[in-house]
Amino acid sequence: MIQDIQPHKLINRYDPARRAADESLIIVMKGDEVLVNGDLFPRLSELGTDADRLIYLFEFEGENEYFLLDVTGDEGFAVPGGYEFVNVRAFRRSGTAKKSRVFLAHTAYQLARWYRDNAYCGRCGKKTRLDDTERAIRCECGNLVYPRIIPAVIVGITNGDKILVTKYKTGFAHFALVAGFTEIGETLEQTVAREAMEETGLKVKNIRYYKSQPWGIVDDILVGFYCDVDGDDTIRMDEGELKVAEWRTREEIELQPDDYSLTNEMMKMFKEGKV
């Protein structure tokens, strides 16, 4: 999956006192785009940027420390030679970028949007500031805002030697699994049962946890579950959300073109008879 970057490790402990040096790596965001040269991020020495504009992001163990520079709306920003802004999703789909750099870009993108969206307090409307001790945004009115992380489930519904695969009505073109966001007052297991019923009309049982995955491109923490169909296996597809929902045997499963997603790993595990 996208976070599987061993032997390296993302050290995401926030250090507000950290200051960038010339060799520090900078993830430059402009809206939904990231500045890259192939799959390389620039160093501070290449940007000619005041280090005071930077926000410490994280350390990539075995490589370097990373800082954020958000130039959204900055028409005066000069793109250094060899670099270009690339849409974050296109960067992930390029097929040439190292998985670790895609993961770092996703995580930086999530934080950049959070900083950008909370420049002003949602309670009183005043300008906010970065907290002095933790990764949080603080307002003088007392409002304290932490990075937004949205729980969502990925559901592998099994029926003997078959699993239910789906295709979204719009957007992502490859096969996937039932998925959805957790609602207020709902457990993850209740989300699994509700999404299975809403998207496919199926009751499920034996809900069991598999694995989780951060998915910074949409602020998610994805939580994977397998479960079994309970009773009638007739699919009643939600045509407003899906264009395909069907049972497939292990041999018939078509995997996604890369190994980044929890969804793809869950389909692969079933295809190989490991669950």
C-alpha atoms as a PDB file:
ATOM      1  CA  MET A   1       0.000   0.000   0.000  1.00  0.00           C
ATOM      2  CA  ILE A   2       1.027   3.621  -0.372  1.00  0.00           C
ATOM      3  CA  GLN A   3       2.314   3.847   3.211  1.00  0.00           C
ATOM      4  CA  ASP A   4       4.494   0.738   2.879  1.00  0.00           C
ATOM      5  CA  ILE A   5       7.828   2.541   2.485  1.00  0.00           C
ATOM      6  CA  GLN A   6      10.091   0.185   4.425  1.00  0.00           C
ATOM      7  CA  PRO A   7      12.963   0.286   5.310  1.00  0.00           C
ATOM      8  CA  HIS A   8      12.280   4.015   5.573  1.00  0.00           C
ATOM      9  CA  LYS A   9       9.893   5.487   8.105  1.00  0.00           C
ATOM     10  CA  LEU A  10       7.812   8.647   8.220  1.00  0.00           C
ATOM     11  CA  ILE A  11       8.543  10.457  11.482  1.00  0.00           C
ATOM     12  CA  ASN A  12       5.554  12.778  11.727  1.00  0.00           C
ATOM     13  CA  ARG A  13       6.289  14.265  15.143  1.00  0.00           C
ATOM     14  CA  TYR A  14       5.773  18.023  14.897  1.00  0.00           C
ATOM     15  CA  ASP A  15       8.681  20.290  15.814  1.00  0.00           C
ATOM     16  CA  PRO A  16       7.757  23.989  15.585  1.00  0.00           C
ATOM     17  CA  ALA A  17      11.317  25.015  16.459  1.00  0.00           C
ATOM     18  CA  ARG A  18      12.820  23.213  13.451  1.00  0.00           C
ATOM     19  CA  ARG A  19      14.284  25.575  10.850  1.00  0.00           C
ATOM     20  CA  ALA A  20      15.142  24.690   7.282  1.00  0.00           C
ATOM     21  CA  ALA A  21      18.737  24.572   6.037  1.00  0.00           C
ATOM     22  CA  ASP A  22      19.862  24.911   2.422  1.00  0.00           C
ATOM     23  CA  GLU A  23      19.715  21.125   1.939  1.00  0.00           C
ATOM     24  CA  SER A  24      16.251  20.695   3.478  1.00  0.00           C
ATOM     25  CA  LEU A  25      13.647  19.325   1.071  1.00  0.00           C
ATOM     26  CA  ILE A  26      10.630  21.502   0.385  1.00  0.00           C
ATOM     27  CA  ILE A  27       7.229  20.270  -0.760  1.00  0.00           C
ATOM     28  CA  VAL A  28       5.764  23.222  -2.628  1.00  0.00           C
ATOM     29  CA  MET A  29       1.984  23.162  -3.024  1.00  0.00           C
ATOM     30  CA  LYS A  30      -0.120  25.362  -5.291  1.00  0.00           C
ATOM     31  CA  GLY A  31      -3.746  24.425  -4.893  1.00  0.00           C
ATOM     32  CA  ASP A  32      -3.974  20.744  -5.903  1.00  0.00           C
ATOM     33  CA  GLU A  33      -0.539  20.734  -7.521  1.00  0.00           C
ATOM     34  CA  VAL A  34       2.907  19.779  -6.219  1.00  0.00           C
ATOM     35  CA  LEU A  35       6.251  21.057  -7.518  1.00  0.00           C
ATOM     36  CA  VAL A  36       8.471  18.217  -8.794  1.00  0.00           C
ATOM     37  CA  ASN A  37      11.331  17.451 -11.148  1.00  0.00           C
ATOM     38  CA  GLY A  38      10.358  13.951 -12.228  1.00  0.00           C
ATOM     39  CA  ASP A  39       9.674  12.651  -8.725  1.00  0.00           C
ATOM     40  CA  LEU A  40      12.176  14.859  -6.897  1.00  0.00           C
ATOM     41  CA  PHE A  41      11.260  17.703  -4.560  1.00  0.00           C
ATOM     42  CA  PRO A  42      13.406  20.876  -4.516  1.00  0.00           C
ATOM     43  CA  ARG A  43      15.837  21.826  -1.804  1.00  0.00           C
ATOM     44  CA  LEU A  44      15.626  25.213  -0.128  1.00  0.00           C
ATOM     45  CA  SER A  45      18.793  26.328  -1.926  1.00  0.00           C
ATOM     46  CA  GLU A  46      17.014  25.884  -5.281  1.00  0.00           C
ATOM     47  CA  LEU A  47      14.024  28.044  -4.398  1.00  0.00           C
ATOM     48  CA  GLY A  48      15.455  31.348  -3.203  1.00  0.00           C
ATOM     49  CA  THR A  49      12.653  31.445  -0.640  1.00  0.00           C
ATOM     50  CA  ASP A  50      12.721  33.017   2.810  1.00  0.00           C
ATOM     51  CA  ALA A  51      12.903  30.145   5.306  1.00  0.00           C
ATOM     52  CA  ASP A  52      10.422  31.989   7.553  1.00  0.00           C
ATOM     53  CA  ARG A  53       7.672  31.139   5.038  1.00  0.00           C
ATOM     54  CA  LEU A  54       8.159  27.425   5.606  1.00  0.00           C
ATOM     55  CA  ILE A  55       6.271  25.085   7.950  1.00  0.00           C
ATOM     56  CA  TYR A  56       7.988  21.963   9.244  1.00  0.00           C
ATOM     57  CA  LEU A  57       6.214  18.840   7.976  1.00  0.00           C
ATOM     58  CA  PHE A  58       8.005  15.641   8.946  1.00  0.00           C
ATOM     59  CA  GLU A  59      11.219  13.697   8.664  1.00  0.00           C
ATOM     60  CA  PHE A  60      11.702  10.860   6.236  1.00  0.00           C
ATOM     61  CA  GLU A  61      14.014   8.539   8.102  1.00  0.00           C
ATOM     62  CA  GLY A  62      17.130   7.755   6.120  1.00  0.00           C
ATOM     63  CA  GLU A  63      16.739  10.714   3.773  1.00  0.00           C
ATOM     64  CA  ASN A  64      15.999  14.207   5.054  1.00  0.00           C
ATOM     65  CA  GLU A  65      13.605  16.603   6.728  1.00  0.00           C
ATOM     66  CA  TYR A  66      10.711  18.133   4.813  1.00  0.00           C
ATOM     67  CA  PHE A  67       9.087  21.548   5.002  1.00  0.00           C
ATOM     68  CA  LEU A  68       5.935  22.935   3.397  1.00  0.00           C
ATOM     69  CA  LEU A  69       5.742  25.993   1.180  1.00  0.00           C
ATOM     70  CA  ASP A  70       2.215  26.829   0.040  1.00  0.00           C
ATOM     71  CA  VAL A  71       2.270  29.269  -2.888  1.00  0.00           C
ATOM     72  CA  THR A  72      -1.454  29.084  -3.661  1.00  0.00           C
ATOM     73  CA  GLY A  73      -2.402  32.524  -4.943  1.00  0.00           C
ATOM     74  CA  ASP A  74       1.242  33.695  -5.065  1.00  0.00           C
ATOM     75  CA  GLU A  75       1.626  34.888  -8.640  1.00  0.00           C
ATOM     76  CA  GLY A  76       5.190  36.027  -7.952  1.00  0.00           C
ATOM     77  CA  PHE A  77       6.544  32.568  -7.169  1.00  0.00           C
ATOM     78  CA  ALA A  78       9.362  31.673  -9.582  1.00  0.00           C
ATOM     79  CA  VAL A  79       9.467  28.005 -10.610  1.00  0.00           C
ATOM     80  CA  PRO A  80      13.108  26.843 -10.612  1.00  0.00           C
ATOM     81  CA  GLY A  81      14.558  25.321 -13.769  1.00  0.00           C
ATOM     82  CA  GLY A  82      13.679  21.680 -14.378  1.00  0.00           C
ATOM     83  CA  TYR A  83      10.655  21.755 -12.061  1.00  0.00           C
ATOM     84  CA  GLU A  84       6.952  21.917 -12.830  1.00  0.00           C
ATOM     85  CA  PHE A  85       3.667  21.840 -10.945  1.00  0.00           C
ATOM     86  CA  VAL A  86       1.841  18.532 -11.330  1.00  0.00           C
ATOM     87  CA  ASN A  87      -1.611  17.615 -10.049  1.00  0.00           C
ATOM     88  CA  VAL A  88      -1.255  15.406  -6.963  1.00  0.00           C
ATOM     89  CA  ARG A  89      -3.537  12.718  -8.394  1.00  0.00           C
ATOM     90  CA  ALA A  90      -1.621  12.733 -11.689  1.00  0.00           C
ATOM     91  CA  PHE A  91       1.628  12.411  -9.708  1.00  0.00           C
ATOM     92  CA  ARG A  92       0.244   9.275  -8.057  1.00  0.00           C
ATOM     93  CA  ARG A  93      -0.906   7.823 -11.386  1.00  0.00           C
ATOM     94  CA  SER A  94       2.290   8.652 -13.283  1.00  0.00           C
ATOM     95  CA  GLY A  95       3.780   5.196 -12.787  1.00  0.00           C
ATOM     96  CA  THR A  96       7.274   6.704 -12.570  1.00  0.00           C
ATOM     97  CA  ALA A  97       7.242   8.321  -9.128  1.00  0.00           C
ATOM     98  CA  LYS A  98       8.668   6.310  -6.237  1.00  0.00           C
ATOM     99  CA  LYS A  99       5.977   5.126  -3.854  1.00  0.00           C
ATOM    100  CA  SER A 100       7.637   6.889  -0.925  1.00  0.00           C
ATOM    101  CA  ARG A 101       7.531  10.244  -2.707  1.00  0.00           C
ATOM    102  CA  VAL A 102       3.882   9.779  -3.642  1.00  0.00           C
ATOM    103  CA  PHE A 103       3.115   9.052   0.019  1.00  0.00           C
ATOM    104  CA  LEU A 104       5.030  12.144   1.153  1.00  0.00           C
ATOM    105  CA  ALA A 105       3.228  14.294  -1.423  1.00  0.00           C
ATOM    106  CA  HIS A 106      -0.182  12.960  -0.304  1.00  0.00           C
ATOM    107  CA  THR A 107       0.579  13.683   3.342  1.00  0.00           C
ATOM    108  CA  ALA A 108       1.921  17.164   2.619  1.00  0.00           C
ATOM    109  CA  TYR A 109      -1.116  17.892   0.444  1.00  0.00           C
ATOM    110  CA  GLN A 110      -3.425  16.942   3.310  1.00  0.00           C
ATOM    111  CA  LEU A 111      -1.620  19.283   5.697  1.00  0.00           C
ATOM    112  CA  ALA A 112      -1.409  22.118   3.145  1.00  0.00           C
ATOM    113  CA  ARG A 113      -5.189  22.054   2.651  1.00  0.00           C
ATOM    114  CA  TRP A 114      -5.723  21.992   6.415  1.00  0.00           C
ATOM    115  CA  TYR A 115      -3.472  25.001   6.999  1.00  0.00           C
ATOM    116  CA  ARG A 116      -5.077  26.842   4.085  1.00  0.00           C
ATOM    117  CA  ASP A 117      -8.657  26.118   5.152  1.00  0.00           C
ATOM    118  CA  ASN A 118      -8.049  27.256   8.719  1.00  0.00           C
ATOM    119  CA  ALA A 119      -6.190  30.525   8.159  1.00  0.00           C
ATOM    120  CA  TYR A 120      -9.188  32.174   9.824  1.00  0.00           C
ATOM    121  CA  CYS A 121     -11.123  30.943  12.825  1.00  0.00           C
ATOM    122  CA  GLY A 122     -14.375  29.164  12.083  1.00  0.00           C
ATOM    123  CA  ARG A 123     -15.774  30.357  15.411  1.00  0.00           C
ATOM    124  CA  CYS A 124     -14.989  34.087  15.493  1.00  0.00           C
ATOM    125  CA  GLY A 125     -13.498  34.812  12.082  1.00  0.00           C
ATOM    126  CA  LYS A 126     -10.166  36.167  13.314  1.00  0.00           C
ATOM    127  CA  LYS A 127      -6.760  35.325  11.893  1.00  0.00           C
ATOM    128  CA  THR A 128      -5.324  32.133  13.416  1.00  0.00           C
ATOM    129  CA  ARG A 129      -1.734  31.149  14.239  1.00  0.00           C
ATOM    130  CA  LEU A 130       0.227  27.926  14.488  1.00  0.00           C
ATOM    131  CA  ASP A 131       0.398  26.466  17.973  1.00  0.00           C
ATOM    132  CA  ASP A 132       3.767  26.661  19.751  1.00  0.00           C
ATOM    133  CA  THR A 133       3.907  23.062  20.964  1.00  0.00           C
ATOM    134  CA  GLU A 134       1.815  20.716  18.800  1.00  0.00           C
ATOM    135  CA  ARG A 135       0.503  20.405  15.262  1.00  0.00           C
ATOM    136  CA  ALA A 136      -2.572  22.512  15.805  1.00  0.00           C
ATOM    137  CA  ILE A 137      -4.002  25.873  14.784  1.00  0.00           C
ATOM    138  CA  ARG A 138      -4.952  28.268  17.554  1.00  0.00           C
ATOM    139  CA  CYS A 139      -7.159  31.359  17.743  1.00  0.00           C
ATOM    140  CA  GLU A 140      -7.110  33.995  20.469  1.00  0.00           C
ATOM    141  CA  CYS A 141     -10.767  33.181  21.174  1.00  0.00           C
ATOM    142  CA  GLY A 142      -9.645  29.791  22.483  1.00  0.00           C
ATOM    143  CA  ASN A 143     -10.593  27.722  19.438  1.00  0.00           C
ATOM    144  CA  LEU A 144      -8.032  24.962  18.805  1.00  0.00           C
ATOM    145  CA  VAL A 145      -8.123  23.062  15.503  1.00  0.00           C
ATOM    146  CA  TYR A 146      -6.340  19.768  14.787  1.00  0.00           C
ATOM    147  CA  PRO A 147      -5.759  18.166  11.364  1.00  0.00           C
ATOM    148  CA  ARG A 148      -8.951  16.687   9.976  1.00  0.00           C
ATOM    149  CA  ILE A 149      -8.964  12.885   9.673  1.00  0.00           C
ATOM    150  CA  ILE A 150     -12.137  11.292   8.291  1.00  0.00           C
ATOM    151  CA  PRO A 151     -12.861   7.600   9.001  1.00  0.00           C
ATOM    152  CA  ALA A 152     -14.128   5.524   6.092  1.00  0.00           C
ATOM    153  CA  VAL A 153     -14.528   1.786   5.533  1.00  0.00           C
ATOM    154  CA  ILE A 154     -13.517  -0.527   2.696  1.00  0.00           C
ATOM    155  CA  VAL A 155     -15.688  -3.654   2.659  1.00  0.00           C
ATOM    156  CA  GLY A 156     -14.854  -7.022   1.137  1.00  0.00           C
ATOM    157  CA  ILE A 157     -18.196  -8.872   1.082  1.00  0.00           C
ATOM    158  CA  THR A 158     -17.558 -12.579   0.517  1.00  0.00           C
ATOM    159  CA  ASN A 159     -19.919 -15.283  -0.659  1.00  0.00           C
ATOM    160  CA  GLY A 160     -18.098 -18.577  -0.475  1.00  0.00           C
ATOM    161  CA  ASP A 161     -15.488 -18.495  -3.234  1.00  0.00           C
ATOM    162  CA  LYS A 162     -16.739 -15.144  -4.563  1.00  0.00           C
ATOM    163  CA  ILE A 163     -16.303 -11.515  -3.543  1.00  0.00           C
ATOM    164  CA  LEU A 164     -18.450  -8.529  -4.453  1.00  0.00           C
ATOM    165  CA  VAL A 165     -16.640  -6.002  -6.653  1.00  0.00           C
ATOM    166  CA  THR A 166     -17.904  -2.611  -7.771  1.00  0.00           C
ATOM    167  CA  LYS A 167     -17.202   0.237 -10.150  1.00  0.00           C
ATOM    168  CA  TYR A 168     -18.093   3.809  -9.307  1.00  0.00           C
ATOM    169  CA  LYS A 169     -20.564   5.554 -11.587  1.00  0.00           C
ATOM    170  CA  THR A 170     -18.105   8.401 -12.185  1.00  0.00           C
ATOM    171  CA  GLY A 171     -14.454   9.065 -11.446  1.00  0.00           C
ATOM    172  CA  PHE A 172     -12.225   6.093 -10.625  1.00  0.00           C
ATOM    173  CA  ALA A 173     -12.457   3.628 -13.508  1.00  0.00           C
ATOM    174  CA  HIS A 174     -11.071   0.423 -12.017  1.00  0.00           C
ATOM    175  CA  PHE A 175     -12.746  -2.272  -9.956  1.00  0.00           C
ATOM    176  CA  ALA A 176     -13.102  -1.543  -6.250  1.00  0.00           C
ATOM    177  CA  LEU A 177     -15.033  -2.725  -3.197  1.00  0.00           C
ATOM    178  CA  VAL A 178     -17.981  -1.328  -1.285  1.00  0.00           C
ATOM    179  CA  ALA A 179     -16.846   1.770   0.616  1.00  0.00           C
ATOM    180  CA  GLY A 180     -18.213   4.718   2.527  1.00  0.00           C
ATOM    181  CA  PHE A 181     -17.755   7.271   5.283  1.00  0.00           C
ATOM    182  CA  THR A 182     -18.641   6.736   8.924  1.00  0.00           C
ATOM    183  CA  GLU A 183     -21.595   8.840  10.062  1.00  0.00           C
ATOM    184  CA  ILE A 184     -22.083  10.669  13.362  1.00  0.00           C
ATOM    185  CA  GLY A 185     -22.872   8.279  16.225  1.00  0.00           C
ATOM    186  CA  GLU A 186     -21.937   5.194  14.231  1.00  0.00           C
ATOM    187  CA  THR A 187     -19.356   2.488  14.893  1.00  0.00           C
ATOM    188  CA  LEU A 188     -17.112   1.263  12.100  1.00  0.00           C
ATOM    189  CA  GLU A 189     -18.904  -2.075  12.104  1.00  0.00           C
ATOM    190  CA  GLN A 190     -22.256  -0.312  11.747  1.00  0.00           C
ATOM    191  CA  THR A 191     -20.811   1.635   8.826  1.00  0.00           C
ATOM    192  CA  VAL A 192     -19.877  -1.649   7.140  1.00  0.00           C
ATOM    193  CA  ALA A 193     -23.417  -3.023   7.491  1.00  0.00           C
ATOM    194  CA  ARG A 194     -25.068   0.214   6.388  1.00  0.00           C
ATOM    195  CA  GLU A 195     -22.852   0.759   3.330  1.00  0.00           C
ATOM    196  CA  ALA A 196     -23.300  -2.854   2.243  1.00  0.00           C
ATOM    197  CA  MET A 197     -27.072  -2.445   2.409  1.00  0.00           C
ATOM    198  CA  GLU A 198     -27.151   1.012   0.792  1.00  0.00           C
ATOM    199  CA  GLU A 199     -24.844   0.187  -2.127  1.00  0.00           C
ATOM    200  CA  THR A 200     -25.804  -3.425  -2.830  1.00  0.00           C
ATOM    201  CA  GLY A 201     -28.948  -4.307  -0.857  1.00  0.00           C
ATOM    202  CA  LEU A 202     -27.096  -7.070   0.987  1.00  0.00           C
ATOM    203  CA  LYS A 203     -27.164  -7.994   4.660  1.00  0.00           C
ATOM    204  CA  VAL A 204     -23.780  -9.021   6.069  1.00  0.00           C
ATOM    205  CA  LYS A 205     -22.427 -10.933   9.068  1.00  0.00           C
ATOM    206  CA  ASN A 206     -19.093 -11.995  10.598  1.00  0.00           C
ATOM    207  CA  ILE A 207     -17.614  -8.511  10.178  1.00  0.00           C
ATOM    208  CA  ARG A 208     -13.864  -8.715  10.808  1.00  0.00           C
ATOM    209  CA  TYR A 209     -11.112  -6.111  10.716  1.00  0.00           C
ATOM    210  CA  TYR A 210      -8.285  -6.478   8.192  1.00  0.00           C
ATOM    211  CA  LYS A 211      -6.026  -3.395   8.046  1.00  0.00           C
ATOM    212  CA  SER A 212      -6.064   0.422   7.873  1.00  0.00           C
ATOM    213  CA  GLN A 213      -4.520   3.026   5.594  1.00  0.00           C
ATOM    214  CA  PRO A 214      -4.006   6.802   5.665  1.00  0.00           C
ATOM    215  CA  TRP A 215      -5.293   8.373   2.435  1.00  0.00           C
ATOM    216  CA  GLY A 216      -4.268  12.008   2.643  1.00  0.00           C
ATOM    217  CA  ILE A 217      -5.590  13.030  -0.732  1.00  0.00           C
ATOM    218  CA  VAL A 218      -9.093  13.204   0.789  1.00  0.00           C
ATOM    219  CA  ASP A 219      -8.209  13.375   4.525  1.00  0.00           C
ATOM    220  CA  ASP A 220      -9.294   9.766   5.124  1.00  0.00           C
ATOM    221  CA  ILE A 221      -8.198   7.014   7.428  1.00  0.00           C
ATOM    222  CA  LEU A 222      -9.440   3.965   5.542  1.00  0.00           C
ATOM    223  CA  VAL A 223     -10.391   0.923   7.619  1.00  0.00           C
ATOM    224  CA  GLY A 224     -10.665  -2.402   5.823  1.00  0.00           C
ATOM    225  CA  PHE A 225     -13.109  -5.142   6.818  1.00  0.00           C
ATOM    226  CA  TYR A 226     -14.106  -8.486   5.373  1.00  0.00           C
ATOM    227  CA  CYS A 227     -17.577  -9.871   6.034  1.00  0.00           C
ATOM    228  CA  ASP A 228     -19.877 -12.596   4.737  1.00  0.00           C
ATOM    229  CA  VAL A 229     -23.175 -12.190   2.946  1.00  0.00           C
ATOM    230  CA  ASP A 230     -26.047 -12.991   5.291  1.00  0.00           C
ATOM    231  CA  GLY A 231     -28.844 -14.875   3.540  1.00  0.00           C
ATOM    232  CA  ASP A 232     -30.082 -13.731   0.118  1.00  0.00           C
ATOM    233  CA  ASP A 233     -27.135 -12.879  -2.174  1.00  0.00           C
ATOM    234  CA  THR A 234     -29.221 -11.025  -4.773  1.00  0.00           C
ATOM    235  CA  ILE A 235     -27.509  -7.697  -5.512  1.00  0.00           C
ATOM    236  CA  ARG A 236     -29.698  -4.580  -5.635  1.00  0.00           C
ATOM    237  CA  MET A 237     -27.196  -1.965  -6.774  1.00  0.00           C
ATOM    238  CA  ASP A 238     -27.417   1.732  -5.921  1.00  0.00           C
ATOM    239  CA  GLU A 239     -27.454   3.084  -9.477  1.00  0.00           C
ATOM    240  CA  GLY A 240     -26.896   6.630  -8.250  1.00  0.00           C
ATOM    241  CA  GLU A 241     -23.437   5.730  -6.968  1.00  0.00           C
ATOM    242  CA  LEU A 242     -22.337   2.601  -8.844  1.00  0.00           C
ATOM    243  CA  LYS A 243     -22.375   1.334 -12.414  1.00  0.00           C
ATOM    244  CA  VAL A 244     -21.179  -2.196 -11.565  1.00  0.00           C
ATOM    245  CA  ALA A 245     -21.777  -4.445  -8.550  1.00  0.00           C
ATOM    246  CA  GLU A 246     -21.272  -8.155  -9.128  1.00  0.00           C
ATOM    247  CA  TRP A 247     -19.974 -11.366  -7.596  1.00  0.00           C
ATOM    248  CA  ARG A 248     -16.638 -12.560  -8.968  1.00  0.00           C
ATOM    249  CA  THR A 249     -14.640 -15.694  -8.297  1.00  0.00           C
ATOM    250  CA  ARG A 250     -11.025 -15.466  -7.248  1.00  0.00           C
ATOM    251  CA  GLU A 251      -9.906 -16.170 -10.819  1.00  0.00           C
ATOM    252  CA  GLU A 252     -12.174 -13.466 -12.258  1.00  0.00           C
ATOM    253  CA  ILE A 253     -10.949 -10.611 -10.047  1.00  0.00           C
ATOM    254  CA  GLU A 254      -9.292  -7.768 -12.000  1.00  0.00           C
ATOM    255  CA  LEU A 255      -6.801  -5.889  -9.843  1.00  0.00           C
ATOM    256  CA  GLN A 256      -6.009  -2.188 -10.033  1.00  0.00           C
ATOM    257  CA  PRO A 257      -2.904  -1.098 -12.011  1.00  0.00           C
ATOM    258  CA  ASP A 258      -0.811  -0.218  -8.924  1.00  0.00           C
ATOM    259  CA  ASP A 259      -0.390  -1.508  -5.385  1.00  0.00           C
ATOM    260  CA  TYR A 260      -1.092   1.757  -3.559  1.00  0.00           C
ATOM    261  CA  SER A 261      -4.597   1.189  -2.221  1.00  0.00           C
ATOM    262  CA  LEU A 262      -6.058  -0.821   0.627  1.00  0.00           C
ATOM    263  CA  THR A 263      -8.889  -1.756  -1.724  1.00  0.00           C
ATOM    264  CA  ASN A 264      -6.497  -3.362  -4.196  1.00  0.00           C
ATOM    265  CA  GLU A 265      -4.633  -5.236  -1.473  1.00  0.00           C
ATOM    266  CA  MET A 266      -7.894  -6.647  -0.098  1.00  0.00           C
ATOM    267  CA  MET A 267      -8.939  -7.837  -3.561  1.00  0.00           C
ATOM    268  CA  LYS A 268      -5.476  -9.316  -4.101  1.00  0.00           C
ATOM    269  CA  MET A 269      -5.561 -11.145  -0.770  1.00  0.00           C
ATOM    270  CA  PHE A 270      -8.891 -12.731  -1.685  1.00  0.00           C
ATOM    271  CA  LYS A 271      -7.753 -13.542  -5.231  1.00  0.00           C
ATOM    272  CA  GLU A 272      -4.715 -15.387  -3.860  1.00  0.00           C
ATOM    273  CA  GLY A 273      -6.814 -17.333  -1.350  1.00  0.00           C
ATOM    274  CA  LYS A 274      -5.193 -15.691   1.683  1.00  0.00           C
ATOM    275  CA  VAL A 275      -8.506 -14.697   3.283  1.00  0.00           C
END
